[in-house]
C-alpha atoms as a PDB file:
ATOM      1  CA  MET A   1      19.929   7.963 -14.067  1.00  0.00           C
ATOM      2  CA  LYS A   2      18.975   9.212 -17.720  1.00  0.00           C
ATOM      3  CA  ILE A   3      15.561  10.258 -18.070  1.00  0.00           C
ATOM      4  CA  SER A   4      15.433   7.609 -20.894  1.00  0.00           C
ATOM      5  CA  ASN A   5      16.467   4.791 -18.515  1.00  0.00           C
ATOM      6  CA  ILE A   6      13.752   5.890 -16.088  1.00  0.00           C
ATOM      7  CA  ASN A   7      11.282   5.863 -18.822  1.00  0.00           C
ATOM      8  CA  ARG A   8      12.422   2.264 -19.872  1.00  0.00           C
ATOM      9  CA  ALA A   9      12.088   1.114 -16.232  1.00  0.00           C
ATOM     10  CA  ALA A  10       8.516   2.425 -16.118  1.00  0.00           C
ATOM     11  CA  ASP A  11       7.383   0.789 -19.474  1.00  0.00           C
ATOM     12  CA  ILE A  12       8.969  -2.614 -18.380  1.00  0.00           C
ATOM     13  CA  LEU A  13       7.065  -2.657 -15.387  1.00  0.00           C
ATOM     14  CA  LEU A  14       4.046  -1.449 -17.005  1.00  0.00           C
ATOM     15  CA  GLU A  15       4.067  -4.100 -19.540  1.00  0.00           C
ATOM     16  CA  SER A  16       4.706  -6.456 -17.111  1.00  0.00           C
ATOM     17  CA  ARG A  17       1.536  -5.519 -15.170  1.00  0.00           C
ATOM     18  CA  ILE A  18      -0.863  -5.347 -17.983  1.00  0.00           C
ATOM     19  CA  LYS A  19       0.471  -8.542 -19.931  1.00  0.00           C
ATOM     20  CA  LEU A  20       1.132 -10.690 -16.609  1.00  0.00           C
ATOM     21  CA  ASN A  21       4.852 -11.521 -17.684  1.00  0.00           C
ATOM     22  CA  ARG A  22       6.814 -11.308 -14.391  1.00  0.00           C
ATOM     23  CA  ILE A  23      10.383 -10.050 -14.896  1.00  0.00           C
ATOM     24  CA  GLU A  24      13.679 -11.164 -13.044  1.00  0.00           C
ATOM     25  CA  ASN A  25      15.180  -7.958 -12.987  1.00  0.00           C
ATOM     26  CA  LEU A  26      15.175  -4.542 -14.911  1.00  0.00           C
ATOM     27  CA  PRO A  27      18.152  -3.618 -17.123  1.00  0.00           C
ATOM     28  CA  ARG A  28      21.369  -2.719 -15.336  1.00  0.00           C
ATOM     29  CA  ASN A  29      21.363   0.696 -16.612  1.00  0.00           C
ATOM     30  CA  CYS A  30      17.421   1.227 -15.482  1.00  0.00           C
ATOM     31  CA  THR A  31      17.884  -0.166 -12.039  1.00  0.00           C
ATOM     32  CA  PRO A  32      17.559   2.251  -9.439  1.00  0.00           C
ATOM     33  CA  VAL A  33      20.852   2.197  -6.857  1.00  0.00           C
ATOM     34  CA  ASN A  34      18.983   4.734  -4.384  1.00  0.00           C
ATOM     35  CA  LYS A  35      15.702   5.782  -3.180  1.00  0.00           C
ATOM     36  CA  LYS A  36      15.626   8.843  -5.324  1.00  0.00           C
ATOM     37  CA  GLU A  37      16.173   6.905  -8.612  1.00  0.00           C
ATOM     38  CA  ALA A  38      13.375   4.652  -7.342  1.00  0.00           C
ATOM     39  CA  TYR A  39      10.546   7.388  -6.851  1.00  0.00           C
ATOM     40  CA  LYS A  40      11.619   8.940  -9.960  1.00  0.00           C
ATOM     41  CA  ILE A  41      10.458   5.587 -11.851  1.00  0.00           C
ATOM     42  CA  GLN A  42       7.605   4.921  -9.660  1.00  0.00           C
ATOM     43  CA  ASN A  43       6.293   8.555 -10.761  1.00  0.00           C
ATOM     44  CA  LYS A  44       7.028   7.651 -14.299  1.00  0.00           C
ATOM     45  CA  LEU A  45       5.073   4.328 -13.946  1.00  0.00           C
ATOM     46  CA  VAL A  46       2.172   6.471 -12.056  1.00  0.00           C
ATOM     47  CA  ASN A  47       1.748   8.695 -14.751  1.00  0.00           C
ATOM     48  CA  LYS A  48       2.024   5.754 -17.363  1.00  0.00           C
ATOM     49  CA  TYR A  49      -1.125   4.014 -15.337  1.00  0.00           C
ATOM     50  CA  LEU A  50      -3.116   7.472 -15.406  1.00  0.00           C
ATOM     51  CA  LEU A  51      -2.464   8.042 -19.137  1.00  0.00           C
ATOM     52  CA  LEU A  52      -3.530   4.416 -19.903  1.00  0.00           C
ATOM     53  CA  ASP A  53      -6.915   4.759 -18.531  1.00  0.00           C
ATOM     54  CA  LYS A  54      -8.287   8.260 -18.433  1.00  0.00           C
ATOM     55  CA  LYS A  55     -10.880   7.460 -15.566  1.00  0.00           C
ATOM     56  CA  ASN A  56      -8.041   6.215 -13.292  1.00  0.00           C
ATOM     57  CA  LYS A  57      -7.308   8.389 -10.824  1.00  0.00           C
ATOM     58  CA  ILE A  58      -4.714   8.687  -7.576  1.00  0.00           C
ATOM     59  CA  ILE A  59      -7.069   8.582  -4.404  1.00  0.00           C
ATOM     60  CA  GLY A  60      -3.911   7.900  -1.816  1.00  0.00           C
ATOM     61  CA  LYS A  61      -0.538   6.065  -0.777  1.00  0.00           C
ATOM     62  CA  LYS A  62       0.059   3.044   0.777  1.00  0.00           C
ATOM     63  CA  VAL A  63       2.680   2.508   3.222  1.00  0.00           C
ATOM     64  CA  GLY A  64       4.715  -0.670   2.935  1.00  0.00           C
ATOM     65  CA  CYS A  65       6.863  -2.182   5.367  1.00  0.00           C
ATOM     66  CA  THR A  66       5.685  -1.055   8.378  1.00  0.00           C
ATOM     67  CA  ASN A  67       5.482  -4.299  10.175  1.00  0.00           C
ATOM     68  CA  LYS A  68       8.616  -6.136  11.444  1.00  0.00           C
ATOM     69  CA  ALA A  69       7.244  -9.668   9.898  1.00  0.00           C
ATOM     70  CA  ALA A  70       6.591  -8.024   6.330  1.00  0.00           C
ATOM     71  CA  GLN A  71      10.105  -6.571   6.676  1.00  0.00           C
ATOM     72  CA  ILE A  72      11.474 -10.030   7.406  1.00  0.00           C
ATOM     73  CA  GLN A  73       9.416 -11.380   4.479  1.00  0.00           C
ATOM     74  CA  ILE A  74      10.990  -9.157   1.731  1.00  0.00           C
ATOM     75  CA  ASN A  75      14.389  -8.426   3.387  1.00  0.00           C
ATOM     76  CA  VAL A  76      13.953  -4.939   3.961  1.00  0.00           C
ATOM     77  CA  HIS A  77      14.657  -2.820   6.835  1.00  0.00           C
ATOM     78  CA  GLU A  78      12.212   0.625   6.418  1.00  0.00           C
ATOM     79  CA  PRO A  79       9.176   1.576   5.339  1.00  0.00           C
ATOM     80  CA  PHE A  80       8.381   2.995   1.832  1.00  0.00           C
ATOM     81  CA  TYR A  81       5.379   4.036   0.216  1.00  0.00           C
ATOM     82  CA  GLY A  82       3.466   3.806  -3.201  1.00  0.00           C
ATOM     83  CA  ASN A  83      -0.020   5.112  -4.775  1.00  0.00           C
ATOM     84  CA  LEU A  84      -3.631   4.012  -4.208  1.00  0.00           C
ATOM     85  CA  PHE A  85      -5.799   3.952  -7.798  1.00  0.00           C
ATOM     86  CA  SER A  86      -9.236   4.484  -8.315  1.00  0.00           C
ATOM     87  CA  THR A  87      -9.410   1.780 -10.795  1.00  0.00           C
ATOM     88  CA  TYR A  88      -7.534  -0.569  -8.660  1.00  0.00           C
ATOM     89  CA  SER A  89      -9.586  -0.563  -5.607  1.00  0.00           C
ATOM     90  CA  SER A  90     -13.257  -1.577  -4.290  1.00  0.00           C
ATOM     91  CA  GLU A  91     -15.352  -1.612  -1.408  1.00  0.00           C
ATOM     92  CA  SER A  92     -15.846  -4.546   0.671  1.00  0.00           C
ATOM     93  CA  ASN A  93     -18.078  -7.579  -0.599  1.00  0.00           C
ATOM     94  CA  CYS A  94     -16.584  -7.516  -3.677  1.00  0.00           C
ATOM     95  CA  ILE A  95     -15.277 -10.346  -6.300  1.00  0.00           C
ATOM     96  CA  ILE A  96     -11.588  -9.878  -7.143  1.00  0.00           C
ATOM     97  CA  GLN A  97     -10.406 -11.563 -10.699  1.00  0.00           C
ATOM     98  CA  SER A  98      -7.632 -13.926  -9.835  1.00  0.00           C
ATOM     99  CA  LYS A  99      -6.819 -13.787 -13.795  1.00  0.00           C
ATOM    100  CA  ASN A 100      -5.422 -10.419 -13.234  1.00  0.00           C
ATOM    101  CA  PHE A 101      -2.538 -11.026 -10.437  1.00  0.00           C
ATOM    102  CA  PHE A 102       0.207 -13.129 -10.367  1.00  0.00           C
ATOM    103  CA  GLY A 103       0.332 -14.475  -7.180  1.00  0.00           C
ATOM    104  CA  PRO A 104      -0.619 -11.781  -4.490  1.00  0.00           C
ATOM    105  CA  PHE A 105      -0.430 -12.085  -0.702  1.00  0.00           C
ATOM    106  CA  ILE A 106      -3.600 -10.250   1.267  1.00  0.00           C
ATOM    107  CA  GLU A 107      -2.606  -7.539   4.177  1.00  0.00           C
ATOM    108  CA  PRO A 108      -5.319  -6.226   6.648  1.00  0.00           C
ATOM    109  CA  GLU A 109      -4.589  -2.406   7.268  1.00  0.00           C
ATOM    110  CA  PHE A 110      -5.881   0.380   8.925  1.00  0.00           C
ATOM    111  CA  SER A 111      -6.599   2.927   6.376  1.00  0.00           C
ATOM    112  CA  PHE A 112      -7.354   6.919   7.303  1.00  0.00           C
ATOM    113  CA  LYS A 113      -8.312   9.820   5.016  1.00  0.00           C
ATOM    114  CA  ILE A 114      -7.349  13.014   6.036  1.00  0.00           C
ATOM    115  CA  SER A 115      -9.349  16.071   5.674  1.00  0.00           C
ATOM    116  CA  LYS A 116      -6.924  19.031   4.966  1.00  0.00           C
ATOM    117  CA  THR A 117      -3.834  19.130   2.929  1.00  0.00           C
ATOM    118  CA  LEU A 118      -0.553  19.549   4.976  1.00  0.00           C
ATOM    119  CA  ASP A 119       1.611  22.492   4.226  1.00  0.00           C
ATOM    120  CA  ILE A 120       5.176  21.026   3.700  1.00  0.00           C
ATOM    121  CA  SER A 121       6.557  24.184   5.275  1.00  0.00           C
ATOM    122  CA  ASP A 122       5.223  23.113   8.413  1.00  0.00           C
ATOM    123  CA  ALA A 123       6.805  19.801   8.250  1.00  0.00           C
ATOM    124  CA  PRO A 124       8.116  17.486  10.318  1.00  0.00           C
ATOM    125  CA  TYR A 125       4.906  17.037  11.988  1.00  0.00           C
ATOM    126  CA  SER A 126       4.100  15.220  14.961  1.00  0.00           C
ATOM    127  CA  ILE A 127       1.785  12.597  15.492  1.00  0.00           C
ATOM    128  CA  ASN A 128      -0.740  14.803  17.578  1.00  0.00           C
ATOM    129  CA  GLN A 129      -1.035  16.842  14.556  1.00  0.00           C
ATOM    130  CA  ILE A 130      -1.409  14.423  12.204  1.00  0.00           C
ATOM    131  CA  TYR A 131      -4.410  12.811  14.602  1.00  0.00           C
ATOM    132  CA  ASN A 132      -5.852  16.157  14.249  1.00  0.00           C
ATOM    133  CA  VAL A 133      -6.171  16.158  10.713  1.00  0.00           C
ATOM    134  CA  ILE A 134      -7.787  12.445  10.629  1.00  0.00           C
ATOM    135  CA  GLU A 135     -11.086  12.646   9.125  1.00  0.00           C
ATOM    136  CA  SER A 136     -12.059   8.862   9.212  1.00  0.00           C
ATOM    137  CA  VAL A 137     -10.594   5.351   9.739  1.00  0.00           C
ATOM    138  CA  LEU A 138     -11.621   2.892   7.557  1.00  0.00           C
ATOM    139  CA  PRO A 139     -10.866  -1.458   7.392  1.00  0.00           C
ATOM    140  CA  SER A 140      -9.114  -2.679   4.725  1.00  0.00           C
ATOM    141  CA  ILE A 141      -7.262  -5.282   2.809  1.00  0.00           C
ATOM    142  CA  GLU A 142      -4.418  -4.496   0.480  1.00  0.00           C
ATOM    143  CA  LEU A 143      -3.318  -6.743  -2.370  1.00  0.00           C
ATOM    144  CA  VAL A 144       0.246  -6.612  -3.108  1.00  0.00           C
ATOM    145  CA  ASP A 145       1.563  -8.638  -6.101  1.00  0.00           C
ATOM    146  CA  SER A 146       5.144  -7.725  -7.442  1.00  0.00           C
ATOM    147  CA  ARG A 147       5.961  -7.402 -11.119  1.00  0.00           C
ATOM    148  CA  PHE A 148       9.400  -9.218  -9.935  1.00  0.00           C
ATOM    149  CA  ASN A 149       9.678 -12.899 -10.356  1.00  0.00           C
ATOM    150  CA  ASP A 150      11.329 -13.033  -6.858  1.00  0.00           C
ATOM    151  CA  TRP A 151      10.483  -9.894  -5.264  1.00  0.00           C
ATOM    152  CA  LYS A 152      11.588 -10.960  -2.134  1.00  0.00           C
ATOM    153  CA  LYS A 153      15.281 -10.338  -3.377  1.00  0.00           C
ATOM    154  CA  VAL A 154      15.454  -7.931  -5.751  1.00  0.00           C
ATOM    155  CA  GLY A 155      15.918  -5.167  -2.719  1.00  0.00           C
ATOM    156  CA  ILE A 156      14.039  -2.048  -1.689  1.00  0.00           C
ATOM    157  CA  TYR A 157      14.358  -0.032  -4.359  1.00  0.00           C
ATOM    158  CA  ASN A 158      13.150  -2.171  -6.885  1.00  0.00           C
ATOM    159  CA  LEU A 159       9.992  -2.674  -4.767  1.00  0.00           C
ATOM    160  CA  ILE A 160       9.700   1.284  -4.658  1.00  0.00           C
ATOM    161  CA  ALA A 161       9.836   1.508  -8.433  1.00  0.00           C
ATOM    162  CA  ASP A 162       7.288  -0.961  -8.684  1.00  0.00           C
ATOM    163  CA  ASN A 163       4.661   1.378  -6.840  1.00  0.00           C
ATOM    164  CA  ALA A 164       5.616  -0.412  -3.722  1.00  0.00           C
ATOM    165  CA  VAL A 165       4.220  -3.942  -5.008  1.00  0.00           C
ATOM    166  CA  ASN A 166       0.741  -2.627  -4.590  1.00  0.00           C
ATOM    167  CA  ALA A 167      -1.865  -4.116  -6.627  1.00  0.00           C
ATOM    168  CA  PHE A 168      -5.268  -3.593  -5.167  1.00  0.00           C
ATOM    169  CA  TRP A 169      -7.116  -1.821  -2.014  1.00  0.00           C
ATOM    170  CA  ILE A 170     -10.276  -3.153  -0.799  1.00  0.00           C
ATOM    171  CA  TYR A 171     -12.095  -1.072   2.061  1.00  0.00           C
ATOM    172  CA  GLY A 172     -14.723  -0.710   4.365  1.00  0.00           C
ATOM    173  CA  LYS A 173     -17.003   1.706   5.683  1.00  0.00           C
ATOM    174  CA  GLU A 174     -15.517   4.745   7.067  1.00  0.00           C
ATOM    175  CA  ILE A 175     -15.835   5.703  10.581  1.00  0.00           C
ATOM    176  CA  ASN A 176     -15.860   9.252  11.720  1.00  0.00           C
ATOM    177  CA  LYS A 177     -15.777   9.060  15.555  1.00  0.00           C
ATOM    178  CA  ILE A 178     -12.314   7.777  16.265  1.00  0.00           C
ATOM    179  CA  ASN A 179     -11.458   9.242  19.600  1.00  0.00           C
ATOM    180  CA  ASP A 180     -12.691   5.966  21.312  1.00  0.00           C
ATOM    181  CA  ILE A 181     -10.545   3.810  19.295  1.00  0.00           C
ATOM    182  CA  ASN A 182      -7.026   2.985  20.597  1.00  0.00           C
ATOM    183  CA  PHE A 183      -4.881   2.550  17.679  1.00  0.00           C
ATOM    184  CA  SER A 184      -2.018   1.221  19.878  1.00  0.00           C
ATOM    185  CA  ASN A 185      -3.824  -1.785  20.691  1.00  0.00           C
ATOM    186  CA  HIS A 186      -6.439  -2.978  18.416  1.00  0.00           C
ATOM    187  CA  GLU A 187      -6.834  -6.639  17.479  1.00  0.00           C
ATOM    188  CA  VAL A 188      -7.471  -7.559  13.574  1.00  0.00           C
ATOM    189  CA  THR A 189      -8.202 -11.241  12.688  1.00  0.00           C
ATOM    190  CA  LEU A 190      -7.731 -12.662   9.113  1.00  0.00           C
ATOM    191  CA  SER A 191      -9.619 -15.396   8.056  1.00  0.00           C
ATOM    192  CA  ILE A 192      -9.700 -17.811   4.913  1.00  0.00           C
ATOM    193  CA  ASN A 193     -12.307 -20.032   3.801  1.00  0.00           C
ATOM    194  CA  ASP A 194     -13.709 -19.620   7.262  1.00  0.00           C
ATOM    195  CA  LYS A 195     -10.727 -20.585   9.058  1.00  0.00           C
ATOM    196  CA  ILE A 196      -8.915 -18.047  11.138  1.00  0.00           C
ATOM    197  CA  ILE A 197      -5.519 -18.103   9.659  1.00  0.00           C
ATOM    198  CA  GLU A 198      -3.436 -15.169  12.032  1.00  0.00           C
ATOM    199  CA  LYS A 199      -4.444 -12.234  14.292  1.00  0.00           C
ATOM    200  CA  GLY A 200      -2.701  -9.427  14.170  1.00  0.00           C
ATOM    201  CA  ASN A 201      -2.980  -6.137  15.913  1.00  0.00           C
ATOM    202  CA  SER A 202      -2.787  -2.206  14.967  1.00  0.00           C
ATOM    203  CA  SER A 203       0.498  -2.153  17.271  1.00  0.00           C
ATOM    204  CA  ASN A 204       2.667  -4.042  14.888  1.00  0.00           C
ATOM    205  CA  VAL A 205       2.353  -1.038  12.261  1.00  0.00           C
ATOM    206  CA  LEU A 206       5.214   1.561  13.565  1.00  0.00           C
ATOM    207  CA  ASP A 207       3.588   0.699  17.296  1.00  0.00           C
ATOM    208  CA  ASN A 208       0.598   2.814  16.107  1.00  0.00           C
ATOM    209  CA  PRO A 209      -0.615   3.426  12.406  1.00  0.00           C
ATOM    210  CA  ILE A 210      -0.814   6.697  13.130  1.00  0.00           C
ATOM    211  CA  ASN A 211       3.007   6.842  13.186  1.00  0.00           C
ATOM    212  CA  SER A 212       2.673   5.457   9.498  1.00  0.00           C
ATOM    213  CA  ILE A 213       0.771   8.567   8.387  1.00  0.00           C
ATOM    214  CA  THR A 214       3.347  10.616  10.180  1.00  0.00           C
ATOM    215  CA  TRP A 215       6.307   9.056   8.575  1.00  0.00           C
ATOM    216  CA  LEU A 216       4.179   9.207   5.166  1.00  0.00           C
ATOM    217  CA  VAL A 217       3.715  13.059   5.474  1.00  0.00           C
ATOM    218  CA  ASN A 218       7.226  13.774   6.617  1.00  0.00           C
ATOM    219  CA  THR A 219       9.068  11.722   4.181  1.00  0.00           C
ATOM    220  CA  LEU A 220       6.525  13.454   1.402  1.00  0.00           C
ATOM    221  CA  ALA A 221       7.866  16.832   2.682  1.00  0.00           C
ATOM    222  CA  LYS A 222      11.409  16.124   2.268  1.00  0.00           C
ATOM    223  CA  GLN A 223      10.652  15.063  -0.955  1.00  0.00           C
ATOM    224  CA  GLY A 224       8.765  18.732  -1.530  1.00  0.00           C
ATOM    225  CA  ARG A 225       5.443  16.935  -1.788  1.00  0.00           C
ATOM    226  CA  ALA A 226       2.318  17.292  -0.103  1.00  0.00           C
ATOM    227  CA  LEU A 227      -0.344  14.715   1.353  1.00  0.00           C
ATOM    228  CA  THR A 228      -3.550  16.361  -0.228  1.00  0.00           C
ATOM    229  CA  LYS A 229      -6.997  16.431   1.090  1.00  0.00           C
ATOM    230  CA  ASN A 230      -9.387  13.621   1.195  1.00  0.00           C
ATOM    231  CA  SER A 231      -6.469  11.439   0.619  1.00  0.00           C
ATOM    232  CA  TYR A 232      -6.679   7.622   1.925  1.00  0.00           C
ATOM    233  CA  ILE A 233      -3.558   6.264   3.432  1.00  0.00           C
ATOM    234  CA  SER A 234      -3.390   2.524   3.925  1.00  0.00           C
ATOM    235  CA  THR A 235      -0.614   2.336   6.676  1.00  0.00           C
ATOM    236  CA  GLY A 236       0.672  -1.027   6.923  1.00  0.00           C
ATOM    237  CA  THR A 237      -0.180  -4.668   7.399  1.00  0.00           C
ATOM    238  CA  CYS A 238      -0.949  -5.884  10.881  1.00  0.00           C
ATOM    239  CA  THR A 239      -0.372  -9.479  10.180  1.00  0.00           C
ATOM    240  CA  SER A 240       2.547 -10.961   8.088  1.00  0.00           C
ATOM    241  CA  ALA A 241       1.464 -10.757   4.216  1.00  0.00           C
ATOM    242  CA  ILE A 242      -0.457 -14.381   3.481  1.00  0.00           C
ATOM    243  CA  SER A 243      -0.602 -15.519   0.081  1.00  0.00           C
ATOM    244  CA  ILE A 244      -4.111 -16.362  -1.442  1.00  0.00           C
ATOM    245  CA  LYS A 245      -5.323 -18.823  -4.087  1.00  0.00           C
ATOM    246  CA  LYS A 246      -8.253 -18.910  -6.625  1.00  0.00           C
ATOM    247  CA  GLY A 247     -11.564 -19.669  -4.836  1.00  0.00           C
ATOM    248  CA  ASP A 248     -10.514 -18.079  -1.775  1.00  0.00           C
ATOM    249  CA  LYS A 249     -12.835 -16.416   0.611  1.00  0.00           C
ATOM    250  CA  ILE A 250     -11.043 -13.672   2.395  1.00  0.00           C
ATOM    251  CA  CYS A 251     -12.568 -11.775   5.793  1.00  0.00           C
ATOM    252  CA  ALA A 252     -10.615  -9.283   7.655  1.00  0.00           C
ATOM    253  CA  ASP A 253     -12.544  -8.621  10.960  1.00  0.00           C
ATOM    254  CA  PHE A 254     -11.441  -5.469  12.917  1.00  0.00           C
ATOM    255  CA  GLY A 255     -13.847  -5.864  15.436  1.00  0.00           C
ATOM    256  CA  THR A 256     -15.618  -2.562  16.227  1.00  0.00           C
ATOM    257  CA  LEU A 257     -14.535  -1.029  12.943  1.00  0.00           C
ATOM    258  CA  GLY A 258     -16.109  -3.979  10.959  1.00  0.00           C
ATOM    259  CA  LYS A 259     -14.918  -6.190   8.133  1.00  0.00           C
ATOM    260  CA  VAL A 260     -13.534  -6.446   4.770  1.00  0.00           C
ATOM    261  CA  ASN A 261     -14.952  -9.338   2.824  1.00  0.00           C
ATOM    262  CA  PHE A 262     -13.698 -10.460  -0.736  1.00  0.00           C
ATOM    263  CA  LEU A 263     -14.081 -13.161  -3.091  1.00  0.00           C
ATOM    264  CA  PHE A 264     -11.069 -14.396  -4.931  1.00  0.00           C
ATOM    265  CA  LEU A 265     -12.187 -16.136  -8.182  1.00  0.00           C
END
């Protein structure tokens, strides 16, 4: 794809988010036909986000479609990644303004912070190697909100280009003592307006959310990119993606890891 078309695709996706005008499809000559083109558009879009707001920073990565239920929902068969931004994130017990979104879905996710930059020349990494560089775990909720009108049908390449449909990231307290946590079997309960909507489990995230980080690190390494020190990684939803509406009170209960709450007003 020509650089001019990559830039145009990123401009369209950026304008869609800013003006809240959903799009049916990208123009044919701007539509990615493979992952390489998709991530090129994503990278250009990310740069435009950062130029738009000088205070905005990339604080980490999100991994999407690590959950079979989520894969079925949007008709994809493999994970993909996007970026987390300081402007589009907040601590728990916050108010999220519905006017800034199309029609978001919530995803309760295990998030992690890594303690060192991983050398891409040492890839591929094993899950044990990744475990050893985890500094902390955080309960979190990701809001996903695609710029495409029918984002379940546009395909994985368009979703990647759209920064993996990330919209917002809400996080709880960091927990540094992770040795006693069984990440292969940890229940999460999602409630809306004090009513339990769905129960999920860490095992839904590639059997163990640390597998998600491992996939991310090794995928980035193949692209010549490193996951840097102090990056946060949201590893994928423990439940199906759940739609919310204005006025909803959301709570994701991670048991011993704490709760994440917000109001969608």
